[in-house]
């Protein structure tokens, strides 16, 4: 990849990441620093340079984090052809019963 990232490439990377089992979503980082700025929009969770794509994700509780990260790395590398760094920012525990928090 050379030059600024294109919206099409960033969208393909996001789709590749989200297609990996165990990934809940992209994550913008603790301070929102993991973003790609495109004309008219921001894409949280992806930062690209000429020789690396950095992906920040949230994973499902109970997932094998290393395996999820490896699968994300392979999926993104297939799109970009460049090195991929995966940062797991959060582990998401699904609510056991969302209705349990509602007043009766």
N, C-alpha and C. Protein backbone atom coordinates (compact mmCIF):
# COMPACT_ATOMS: atom_id res chain seq x y z
N UNK A 1 0.84 -1.17 0.00
CA UNK A 1 0.00 0.00 0.00
C UNK A 1 0.88 1.22 0.00
N UNK A 2 0.53 2.23 -0.78
CA UNK A 2 1.31 3.45 -0.77
C UNK A 2 0.36 4.63 -0.70
N UNK A 3 0.79 5.69 0.00
CA UNK A 3 -0.03 6.88 0.13
C UNK A 3 -1.12 6.72 1.17
N UNK A 4 -2.06 7.66 1.14
CA UNK A 4 -3.15 7.66 2.11
C UNK A 4 -4.10 6.51 1.84
N UNK A 5 -4.67 5.94 2.90
CA UNK A 5 -5.62 4.84 2.71
C UNK A 5 -6.88 5.34 2.01
N UNK A 6 -7.44 4.48 1.19
CA UNK A 6 -8.69 4.83 0.50
C UNK A 6 -9.87 4.32 1.30
N UNK A 7 -11.01 4.95 1.11
CA UNK A 7 -12.22 4.50 1.79
C UNK A 7 -12.58 3.08 1.44
N UNK A 8 -12.39 2.72 0.17
CA UNK A 8 -12.71 1.36 -0.27
C UNK A 8 -11.85 0.33 0.45
N UNK A 9 -10.55 0.60 0.56
CA UNK A 9 -9.65 -0.34 1.23
C UNK A 9 -9.98 -0.44 2.72
N UNK A 10 -10.22 0.68 3.36
CA UNK A 10 -10.55 0.67 4.79
C UNK A 10 -11.85 -0.09 5.02
N UNK A 11 -12.83 0.10 4.16
CA UNK A 11 -14.10 -0.64 4.29
C UNK A 11 -13.89 -2.14 4.11
N UNK A 12 -13.02 -2.52 3.19
CA UNK A 12 -12.72 -3.95 2.99
C UNK A 12 -12.00 -4.53 4.20
N UNK A 13 -11.09 -3.76 4.79
CA UNK A 13 -10.41 -4.21 6.01
C UNK A 13 -11.42 -4.39 7.13
N UNK A 14 -12.30 -3.41 7.32
CA UNK A 14 -13.32 -3.50 8.37
C UNK A 14 -14.20 -4.72 8.18
N UNK A 15 -14.60 -4.98 6.96
CA UNK A 15 -15.44 -6.15 6.66
C UNK A 15 -14.68 -7.44 6.97
N UNK A 16 -13.40 -7.48 6.61
CA UNK A 16 -12.58 -8.67 6.88
C UNK A 16 -12.46 -8.92 8.37
N UNK A 17 -12.27 -7.87 9.15
CA UNK A 17 -12.14 -8.00 10.60
C UNK A 17 -13.45 -8.51 11.19
N UNK A 18 -14.55 -7.88 10.82
CA UNK A 18 -15.85 -8.23 11.40
C UNK A 18 -16.32 -9.63 11.01
N UNK A 19 -15.75 -10.20 9.96
CA UNK A 19 -16.16 -11.53 9.53
C UNK A 19 -15.50 -12.64 10.35
N UNK A 20 -14.54 -12.30 11.18
CA UNK A 20 -13.82 -13.31 11.96
C UNK A 20 -14.64 -13.70 13.18
N UNK A 21 -14.92 -15.00 13.37
CA UNK A 21 -15.65 -15.44 14.56
C UNK A 21 -14.90 -15.04 15.83
N UNK A 22 -15.64 -14.52 16.80
CA UNK A 22 -15.05 -14.08 18.05
C UNK A 22 -14.84 -12.59 18.12
N UNK A 23 -14.85 -11.91 16.97
CA UNK A 23 -14.72 -10.45 16.96
C UNK A 23 -16.10 -9.85 17.18
N UNK A 24 -16.22 -8.99 18.20
CA UNK A 24 -17.47 -8.29 18.44
C UNK A 24 -17.56 -7.09 17.51
N UNK A 25 -16.47 -6.31 17.45
CA UNK A 25 -16.43 -5.15 16.56
C UNK A 25 -15.05 -4.53 16.60
N UNK A 26 -14.86 -3.54 15.76
CA UNK A 26 -13.66 -2.72 15.81
C UNK A 26 -13.76 -1.82 17.04
N UNK A 27 -12.62 -1.38 17.55
CA UNK A 27 -12.58 -0.57 18.78
C UNK A 27 -11.66 0.61 18.53
N UNK A 28 -12.12 1.79 18.86
CA UNK A 28 -11.36 3.01 18.59
C UNK A 28 -10.18 3.27 19.50
N UNK A 29 -9.97 2.42 20.49
CA UNK A 29 -8.88 2.63 21.44
C UNK A 29 -9.37 3.37 22.67
N UNK A 30 -8.60 3.32 23.73
CA UNK A 30 -9.00 3.92 25.00
C UNK A 30 -9.28 5.41 24.88
N UNK A 31 -8.50 6.09 24.06
CA UNK A 31 -8.67 7.53 23.89
C UNK A 31 -9.14 7.90 22.49
N UNK A 32 -9.62 6.94 21.75
CA UNK A 32 -10.08 7.19 20.39
C UNK A 32 -8.97 7.42 19.40
N UNK A 33 -7.78 6.93 19.73
CA UNK A 33 -6.60 7.18 18.90
C UNK A 33 -6.48 6.24 17.71
N UNK A 34 -7.19 5.14 17.72
CA UNK A 34 -7.08 4.15 16.64
C UNK A 34 -8.15 4.42 15.60
N UNK A 35 -7.89 5.38 14.73
CA UNK A 35 -8.87 5.76 13.71
C UNK A 35 -8.19 6.03 12.37
N UNK A 36 -8.96 5.90 11.34
CA UNK A 36 -8.55 6.35 10.01
C UNK A 36 -9.49 7.48 9.64
N UNK A 37 -8.92 8.61 9.28
CA UNK A 37 -9.72 9.76 8.87
C UNK A 37 -9.85 9.76 7.36
N UNK A 38 -11.08 9.77 6.91
CA UNK A 38 -11.40 9.80 5.48
C UNK A 38 -12.26 11.03 5.23
N UNK A 39 -12.36 11.47 4.00
CA UNK A 39 -13.22 12.62 3.72
C UNK A 39 -14.65 12.38 4.20
N UNK A 40 -15.10 13.17 5.14
CA UNK A 40 -16.46 13.09 5.64
C UNK A 40 -16.75 12.03 6.68
N UNK A 41 -15.74 11.24 7.08
CA UNK A 41 -16.01 10.21 8.09
C UNK A 41 -14.73 9.72 8.76
N UNK A 42 -14.95 9.09 9.89
CA UNK A 42 -13.87 8.45 10.65
C UNK A 42 -14.20 6.97 10.73
N UNK A 43 -13.18 6.14 10.62
CA UNK A 43 -13.37 4.70 10.79
C UNK A 43 -12.57 4.29 12.02
N UNK A 44 -13.30 3.99 13.10
CA UNK A 44 -12.65 3.61 14.35
C UNK A 44 -12.10 2.20 14.26
N UNK A 45 -10.92 2.00 14.87
CA UNK A 45 -10.35 0.67 14.98
C UNK A 45 -9.35 0.29 13.92
N UNK A 46 -9.13 1.16 12.95
CA UNK A 46 -8.17 0.85 11.88
C UNK A 46 -7.23 2.04 11.71
N UNK A 47 -5.93 1.75 11.73
CA UNK A 47 -4.91 2.76 11.41
C UNK A 47 -3.99 2.15 10.38
N UNK A 48 -3.75 2.87 9.30
CA UNK A 48 -2.90 2.33 8.25
C UNK A 48 -1.72 3.26 7.99
N UNK A 49 -0.59 2.63 7.69
CA UNK A 49 0.58 3.35 7.24
C UNK A 49 1.03 2.69 5.94
N UNK A 50 2.13 3.15 5.39
CA UNK A 50 2.61 2.58 4.13
C UNK A 50 2.97 1.11 4.24
N UNK A 51 3.41 0.68 5.43
CA UNK A 51 3.90 -0.70 5.54
C UNK A 51 3.20 -1.53 6.62
N UNK A 52 2.13 -1.02 7.21
CA UNK A 52 1.47 -1.75 8.30
C UNK A 52 0.01 -1.34 8.39
N UNK A 53 -0.82 -2.28 8.77
CA UNK A 53 -2.21 -2.00 9.12
C UNK A 53 -2.38 -2.40 10.57
N UNK A 54 -2.85 -1.46 11.37
CA UNK A 54 -3.08 -1.71 12.80
C UNK A 54 -4.58 -1.79 13.01
N UNK A 55 -5.01 -2.90 13.63
CA UNK A 55 -6.43 -3.15 13.84
C UNK A 55 -6.68 -3.31 15.33
N UNK A 56 -7.63 -2.56 15.86
CA UNK A 56 -8.00 -2.63 17.28
C UNK A 56 -9.40 -3.25 17.35
N UNK A 57 -9.54 -4.28 18.19
CA UNK A 57 -10.80 -5.02 18.23
C UNK A 57 -11.29 -5.27 19.65
N UNK A 58 -12.58 -5.58 19.74
CA UNK A 58 -13.19 -6.15 20.94
C UNK A 58 -13.53 -7.60 20.60
N UNK A 59 -13.28 -8.50 21.54
CA UNK A 59 -13.56 -9.91 21.30
C UNK A 59 -14.60 -10.42 22.29
N UNK A 60 -15.26 -11.50 21.90
CA UNK A 60 -16.27 -12.14 22.76
C UNK A 60 -15.60 -12.83 23.93
N UNK A 61 -16.20 -12.71 25.11
CA UNK A 61 -15.74 -13.44 26.27
C UNK A 61 -15.81 -14.93 25.96
N UNK A 62 -14.79 -15.66 26.33
CA UNK A 62 -14.75 -17.10 26.07
C UNK A 62 -14.03 -17.46 24.79
N UNK A 63 -13.74 -16.46 23.97
CA UNK A 63 -12.98 -16.72 22.73
C UNK A 63 -11.53 -16.98 23.07
N UNK A 64 -10.87 -17.72 22.24
CA UNK A 64 -9.42 -17.91 22.37
C UNK A 64 -8.78 -16.70 21.70
N UNK A 65 -8.34 -15.77 22.53
CA UNK A 65 -7.91 -14.46 22.04
C UNK A 65 -6.78 -14.58 21.02
N UNK A 66 -5.80 -15.39 21.30
CA UNK A 66 -4.68 -15.53 20.37
C UNK A 66 -5.16 -16.06 19.01
N UNK A 67 -6.07 -17.03 19.04
CA UNK A 67 -6.59 -17.59 17.78
C UNK A 67 -7.41 -16.56 17.00
N UNK A 68 -8.21 -15.77 17.73
CA UNK A 68 -8.98 -14.71 17.07
C UNK A 68 -8.03 -13.69 16.45
N UNK A 69 -7.02 -13.27 17.20
CA UNK A 69 -6.05 -12.30 16.68
C UNK A 69 -5.32 -12.84 15.46
N UNK A 70 -4.93 -14.10 15.49
CA UNK A 70 -4.25 -14.71 14.34
C UNK A 70 -5.18 -14.74 13.11
N UNK A 71 -6.45 -15.07 13.34
CA UNK A 71 -7.41 -15.12 12.23
C UNK A 71 -7.64 -13.72 11.65
N UNK A 72 -7.72 -12.71 12.52
CA UNK A 72 -7.86 -11.33 12.06
C UNK A 72 -6.64 -10.94 11.23
N UNK A 73 -5.47 -11.27 11.74
CA UNK A 73 -4.22 -10.94 11.03
C UNK A 73 -4.22 -11.54 9.62
N UNK A 74 -4.59 -12.81 9.52
CA UNK A 74 -4.61 -13.48 8.21
C UNK A 74 -5.66 -12.87 7.28
N UNK A 75 -6.83 -12.58 7.83
CA UNK A 75 -7.92 -12.03 7.03
C UNK A 75 -7.56 -10.65 6.48
N UNK A 76 -6.97 -9.81 7.33
CA UNK A 76 -6.60 -8.46 6.90
C UNK A 76 -5.42 -8.50 5.93
N UNK A 77 -4.45 -9.36 6.20
CA UNK A 77 -3.30 -9.47 5.30
C UNK A 77 -3.74 -9.88 3.90
N UNK A 78 -4.79 -10.72 3.80
CA UNK A 78 -5.30 -11.12 2.49
C UNK A 78 -5.86 -9.92 1.72
N UNK A 79 -6.34 -8.91 2.44
CA UNK A 79 -6.89 -7.71 1.80
C UNK A 79 -5.80 -6.70 1.47
N UNK A 80 -4.87 -6.49 2.41
CA UNK A 80 -3.89 -5.41 2.25
C UNK A 80 -2.56 -5.86 1.66
N UNK A 81 -2.19 -7.10 1.90
CA UNK A 81 -0.88 -7.57 1.46
C UNK A 81 0.26 -7.04 2.29
N UNK A 82 -0.05 -6.36 3.40
CA UNK A 82 0.99 -5.79 4.25
C UNK A 82 0.96 -6.42 5.64
N UNK A 83 1.94 -6.06 6.45
CA UNK A 83 1.99 -6.54 7.83
C UNK A 83 0.75 -6.04 8.58
N UNK A 84 0.33 -6.83 9.56
CA UNK A 84 -0.87 -6.49 10.33
C UNK A 84 -0.55 -6.62 11.81
N UNK A 85 -0.88 -5.58 12.56
CA UNK A 85 -0.77 -5.60 14.01
C UNK A 85 -2.19 -5.62 14.57
N UNK A 86 -2.47 -6.58 15.46
CA UNK A 86 -3.79 -6.69 16.07
C UNK A 86 -3.68 -6.33 17.54
N UNK A 87 -4.52 -5.40 17.98
CA UNK A 87 -4.56 -4.99 19.38
C UNK A 87 -5.95 -5.34 19.91
N UNK A 88 -5.99 -6.19 20.94
CA UNK A 88 -7.27 -6.53 21.58
C UNK A 88 -7.49 -5.50 22.68
N UNK A 89 -8.48 -4.66 22.49
CA UNK A 89 -8.77 -3.56 23.41
C UNK A 89 -9.75 -3.95 24.51
N UNK A 90 -10.63 -4.92 24.23
CA UNK A 90 -11.69 -5.21 25.19
C UNK A 90 -12.18 -6.64 24.99
N UNK A 91 -12.66 -7.22 26.08
CA UNK A 91 -13.34 -8.51 26.05
C UNK A 91 -14.77 -8.23 26.49
N UNK A 92 -15.72 -8.58 25.65
CA UNK A 92 -17.12 -8.25 25.89
C UNK A 92 -17.84 -9.47 26.43
N UNK A 93 -18.46 -9.29 27.59
CA UNK A 93 -19.26 -10.35 28.21
C UNK A 93 -20.72 -10.07 27.87
N UNK A 94 -21.37 -10.98 27.17
CA UNK A 94 -22.78 -10.75 26.83
C UNK A 94 -23.65 -10.80 28.09
N UNK A 95 -24.70 -9.99 28.09
CA UNK A 95 -25.65 -10.03 29.20
C UNK A 95 -26.33 -11.38 29.21
N UNK A 96 -26.41 -11.97 30.41
CA UNK A 96 -27.08 -13.26 30.51
C UNK A 96 -28.56 -13.13 30.22
N UNK A 97 -29.18 -12.11 30.78
CA UNK A 97 -30.60 -11.87 30.56
C UNK A 97 -30.82 -10.37 30.54
N UNK A 98 -30.88 -9.75 29.36
CA UNK A 98 -31.05 -8.30 29.29
C UNK A 98 -32.29 -7.82 30.02
N UNK A 99 -33.32 -8.63 30.12
CA UNK A 99 -34.55 -8.22 30.80
C UNK A 99 -34.38 -8.16 32.31
N UNK A 100 -33.33 -8.77 32.84
CA UNK A 100 -33.13 -8.79 34.29
C UNK A 100 -32.87 -7.40 34.86
N UNK A 101 -32.38 -6.47 34.03
CA UNK A 101 -32.09 -5.12 34.50
C UNK A 101 -33.30 -4.20 34.44
N UNK A 102 -34.39 -4.68 33.86
CA UNK A 102 -35.58 -3.85 33.74
C UNK A 102 -36.39 -3.90 35.03
N UNK A 103 -36.98 -2.75 35.42
CA UNK A 103 -37.82 -2.78 36.63
C UNK A 103 -39.06 -3.64 36.39
N UNK A 104 -39.49 -4.30 37.45
CA UNK A 104 -40.67 -5.17 37.30
C UNK A 104 -41.94 -4.46 37.65
